[in-house]
Protein backbone atom coordinates (compact mmCIF):
# COMPACT_ATOMS: atom_id res chain seq x y z
CA UNK A 1 126.57 159.95 117.69
CA UNK A 2 129.40 158.30 115.42
CA UNK A 3 131.85 159.73 118.08
CA UNK A 4 129.97 158.15 120.99
CA UNK A 5 130.16 154.62 119.30
CA UNK A 6 133.83 154.98 118.60
CA UNK A 7 134.56 155.74 122.10
CA UNK A 8 132.55 153.07 123.53
CA UNK A 9 134.38 150.61 121.24
CA UNK A 10 137.71 151.86 122.71
CA UNK A 11 136.36 151.57 126.19
CA UNK A 12 135.35 147.79 125.62
CA UNK A 13 138.83 147.16 124.14
CA UNK A 14 140.49 148.54 127.20
CA UNK A 15 138.27 146.54 129.56
CA UNK A 16 138.87 143.36 127.51
CA UNK A 17 142.79 143.88 127.53
CA UNK A 18 142.81 144.48 131.38
CA UNK A 19 141.31 140.88 132.25
CA UNK A 20 143.99 139.02 130.61
CA UNK A 21 146.93 140.01 133.13
CA UNK A 22 144.47 138.93 136.15
CA UNK A 23 144.04 135.51 134.68
CA UNK A 24 147.53 135.05 134.08
CA UNK A 25 148.32 135.89 137.72
CA UNK A 26 145.84 133.18 138.88
CA UNK A 27 147.76 130.42 137.04
CA UNK A 28 150.28 128.85 139.40
CA UNK A 29 152.74 126.11 138.74
CA UNK A 30 152.13 122.72 140.55
CA UNK A 31 153.89 119.40 140.87
CA UNK A 32 152.33 115.98 141.69
CA UNK A 33 154.63 113.08 143.17
CA UNK A 34 154.24 109.94 145.06
CA UNK A 35 155.90 108.64 148.25
CA UNK A 36 156.05 105.30 149.90
CA UNK A 37 156.62 104.48 153.44
CA UNK A 38 157.48 101.08 154.90
CA UNK A 39 157.68 99.69 158.20
CA UNK A 40 158.82 96.05 159.20
CA UNK A 41 156.87 94.82 162.23
CA UNK A 42 157.41 91.67 164.31
CA UNK A 43 154.62 89.48 164.34
CA UNK A 44 153.52 89.11 168.07
CA UNK A 45 149.97 87.59 167.88
CA UNK A 46 149.09 83.97 166.96
CA UNK A 47 145.58 82.52 166.03
CA UNK A 48 145.50 78.67 166.58
CA UNK A 49 142.48 76.67 165.24
CA UNK A 50 141.74 73.37 166.50
CA UNK A 51 139.05 70.58 166.29
CA UNK A 52 137.77 68.05 168.76
CA UNK A 53 135.87 65.42 167.10
CA UNK A 54 134.24 62.13 168.34
CA UNK A 55 132.64 59.13 166.52
CA UNK A 56 130.07 56.97 168.13
CA UNK A 57 127.19 54.61 167.27
CA UNK A 58 124.35 57.29 167.88
CA UNK A 59 124.27 60.96 167.32
CA UNK A 60 123.68 61.62 171.12
CA UNK A 61 126.36 59.67 172.25
CA UNK A 62 128.73 61.39 169.69
CA UNK A 63 127.51 64.73 170.57
CA UNK A 64 127.87 64.15 174.26
CA UNK A 65 131.48 62.67 173.77
CA UNK A 66 132.43 65.65 171.73
CA UNK A 67 131.00 68.23 174.21
CA UNK A 68 132.56 66.62 177.08
CA UNK A 69 136.20 66.47 175.42
CA UNK A 70 135.74 70.05 174.09
CA UNK A 71 134.96 71.46 177.46
CA UNK A 72 137.98 69.86 179.12
CA UNK A 73 140.15 71.29 176.15
CA UNK A 74 138.94 74.73 176.47
CA UNK A 75 139.33 74.55 180.20
CA UNK A 76 142.88 73.38 179.93
CA UNK A 77 143.73 76.13 177.46
CA UNK A 78 142.22 78.76 179.71
CA UNK A 79 144.28 77.30 182.59
CA UNK A 80 147.54 77.46 180.40
CA UNK A 81 147.15 81.25 179.91
CA UNK A 82 144.58 81.85 177.09
CA UNK A 83 141.98 84.54 177.88
CA UNK A 84 138.51 83.60 177.58
CA UNK A 85 137.47 86.71 175.56
CA UNK A 86 140.02 85.52 173.00
CA UNK A 87 138.28 82.11 172.48
CA UNK A 88 136.00 81.80 169.66
CA UNK A 89 133.79 78.80 168.50
CA UNK A 90 134.69 78.38 164.96
CA UNK A 91 132.39 75.27 163.82
CA UNK A 92 130.06 72.83 165.06
CA UNK A 93 128.89 69.57 163.18
CA UNK A 94 127.22 66.47 163.43
CA UNK A 95 126.74 64.04 160.50
CA UNK A 96 126.33 60.39 160.05
CA UNK A 97 129.15 58.04 158.55
CA UNK A 98 128.33 55.25 156.08
CA UNK A 99 129.88 51.97 155.15
CA UNK A 100 130.50 51.96 151.45
CA UNK A 101 131.80 48.27 151.09
CA UNK A 102 131.68 46.96 147.60
CA UNK A 103 128.27 45.46 146.83
CA UNK A 104 126.29 46.56 149.57
CA UNK A 105 123.96 49.53 149.88
CA UNK A 106 125.67 52.25 152.08
CA UNK A 107 124.37 51.78 155.68
CA UNK A 108 124.90 54.39 158.53
CA UNK A 109 127.64 52.79 160.89
CA UNK A 110 127.71 55.72 163.43
CA UNK A 111 127.96 59.48 163.87
CA UNK A 112 130.81 61.85 164.17
CA UNK A 113 130.37 65.06 166.16
CA UNK A 114 133.03 67.95 166.08
CA UNK A 115 133.52 71.51 167.62
CA UNK A 116 136.10 73.83 166.30
CA UNK A 117 137.83 76.44 168.40
CA UNK A 118 139.79 79.43 167.57
CA UNK A 119 142.48 80.74 170.06
CA UNK A 120 144.16 83.84 169.82
CA UNK A 121 147.32 84.38 172.03
CA UNK A 122 150.61 86.00 172.12
CA UNK A 123 153.18 84.13 169.91
CA UNK A 124 155.28 82.90 172.71
CA UNK A 125 152.07 81.05 174.25
CA UNK A 126 150.68 79.45 170.91
CA UNK A 127 153.06 76.29 171.16
CA UNK A 128 151.77 75.61 174.67
CA UNK A 129 148.39 75.91 173.64
CA UNK A 130 148.83 73.34 170.99
CA UNK A 131 150.81 70.93 173.25
CA UNK A 132 147.83 71.57 176.16
CA UNK A 133 145.04 70.66 173.58
CA UNK A 134 146.87 67.47 172.47
CA UNK A 135 147.54 66.47 175.91
CA UNK A 136 143.85 67.02 177.20
CA UNK A 137 141.92 65.74 174.28
CA UNK A 138 144.47 63.10 173.02
CA UNK A 139 143.23 61.53 169.66
CA UNK A 140 139.98 63.30 169.50
CA UNK A 141 141.77 66.66 168.78
CA UNK A 142 143.15 67.86 165.52
CA UNK A 143 145.07 71.21 164.74
CA UNK A 144 143.83 72.83 161.75
CA UNK A 145 146.39 75.63 161.47
CA UNK A 146 148.04 78.62 162.94
CA UNK A 147 148.55 81.90 161.60
CA UNK A 148 150.29 85.20 162.78
CA UNK A 149 149.53 88.79 162.95
CA UNK A 150 150.38 91.96 164.67
CA UNK A 151 148.34 92.79 167.72
CA UNK A 152 148.61 96.76 167.15
CA UNK A 153 148.89 97.56 163.54
CA UNK A 154 147.89 101.15 163.89
CA UNK A 155 150.99 102.42 165.40
CA UNK A 156 153.22 100.81 162.43
CA UNK A 157 150.71 102.47 159.91
CA UNK A 158 151.01 105.66 161.35
CA UNK A 159 154.79 105.45 161.08
CA UNK A 160 154.56 104.28 157.45
CA UNK A 161 152.24 107.23 156.63
CA UNK A 162 154.66 109.66 158.00
CA UNK A 163 157.58 108.15 156.18
CA UNK A 164 155.50 108.20 152.84
CA UNK A 165 154.69 111.95 153.27
CA UNK A 166 158.31 112.66 153.96
CA UNK A 167 159.48 110.75 150.95
CA UNK A 168 156.81 112.59 148.65
CA UNK A 169 158.25 115.88 150.05
CA UNK A 170 161.69 115.20 149.48
CA UNK A 171 161.10 114.05 145.89
CA UNK A 172 159.04 117.23 145.18
CA UNK A 173 161.78 119.37 146.65
CA UNK A 174 164.41 117.71 144.24
CA UNK A 175 162.29 118.44 141.19
CA UNK A 176 161.61 121.95 142.36
CA UNK A 177 165.45 122.53 142.68
CA UNK A 178 166.35 121.19 139.27
CA UNK A 179 163.43 123.70 137.82
CA UNK A 180 165.09 126.69 139.76
CA UNK A 181 161.93 127.05 141.82
CA UNK A 182 160.78 126.74 145.60
CA UNK A 183 158.48 124.24 146.97
CA UNK A 184 155.18 125.82 148.04
CA UNK A 185 152.20 124.59 150.20
CA UNK A 186 150.42 121.20 149.95
CA UNK A 187 147.60 121.44 147.43
CA UNK A 188 146.22 118.01 147.70
CA UNK A 189 147.23 114.77 149.15
CA UNK A 190 145.79 111.12 148.55
CA UNK A 191 146.53 107.93 150.21
CA UNK A 192 146.79 105.58 147.08
CA UNK A 193 147.63 102.30 148.77
CA UNK A 194 146.22 100.88 152.13
CA UNK A 195 148.51 99.81 154.95
CA UNK A 196 148.26 96.05 154.59
CA UNK A 197 150.85 94.04 156.33
CA UNK A 198 152.56 91.51 153.94
CA UNK A 199 154.65 88.66 155.36
CA UNK A 200 158.45 88.47 154.55
CA UNK A 201 160.48 85.66 155.19
CA UNK A 202 164.08 86.84 155.78
CA UNK A 203 165.24 87.04 159.41
CA UNK A 204 162.07 85.51 161.16
CA UNK A 205 162.55 85.14 164.65
CA UNK A 206 162.34 81.75 166.14
CA UNK A 207 160.02 81.27 169.04
CA UNK A 208 160.22 78.11 171.22
CA UNK A 209 157.62 77.06 173.53
CA UNK A 210 157.34 73.60 174.87
CA UNK A 211 157.89 70.91 172.23
CA UNK A 212 156.86 73.02 169.03
CA UNK A 213 159.11 75.65 167.38
CA UNK A 214 157.23 78.27 165.72
CA UNK A 215 158.37 80.78 163.18
CA UNK A 216 156.24 83.95 163.14
CA UNK A 217 158.30 86.05 160.74
CA UNK A 218 157.83 89.74 160.26
CA UNK A 219 155.41 91.73 158.38
CA UNK A 220 156.19 94.90 156.08
CA UNK A 221 153.57 97.66 156.50
CA UNK A 222 153.44 99.75 153.32
CA UNK A 223 151.68 103.06 152.65
CA UNK A 224 151.88 105.10 149.35
CA UNK A 225 150.68 108.69 149.03
CA UNK A 226 150.07 111.06 146.17
CA UNK A 227 150.90 114.67 146.99
CA UNK A 228 150.38 117.87 144.88
CA UNK A 229 152.65 121.01 146.01
CA UNK A 230 152.49 124.54 144.36
CA UNK A 231 155.80 125.85 142.96
CA UNK A 232 157.15 129.39 143.74
């Protein structure tokens, strides 16, 4: 019986020793690096926002005048080259205006009606849209602002991603070389920053249309990825 127990203990010892090499074999060296890719993109899309406002003694007259002028401005903008699908009503308001003269109770002196419009066009058409609106609506038109963007950001984002991956791979390969190892397969990849265009102001292209000079500038699309590689 004693001899059987000794044999069993020896067998257990052998089994325990045989597991250790297998566990060591499964442990693999890895390296994790980040890479950033950037693309400069010309801003080719403009969004112009304008307002048509009319003041009159009654709410009905103010609204009627604003509607009439707005429709004329809208039609002229479309005739100038804007697509109807790219027009968006950005605001509509009607409110009383008061006389706050010193020593008097505020009294309504009339009403102001306004309609705001957002127009998306190519950059080289934006200045024409501004001039057309002012020429058609006269003093009832105010230009609220203009912003620039890229019409097709997906293509530049894809290029930035490719450059980010290439940068990460080059960095990992350099580390592997320093360690006397070779780069293996990708274990994990994570996009750590979204491709959000950011404005840069150097080298902006000037666009001249009609009497207004516009500077759309360029956008820098940046993507950063974190990649883990196995090392051989």
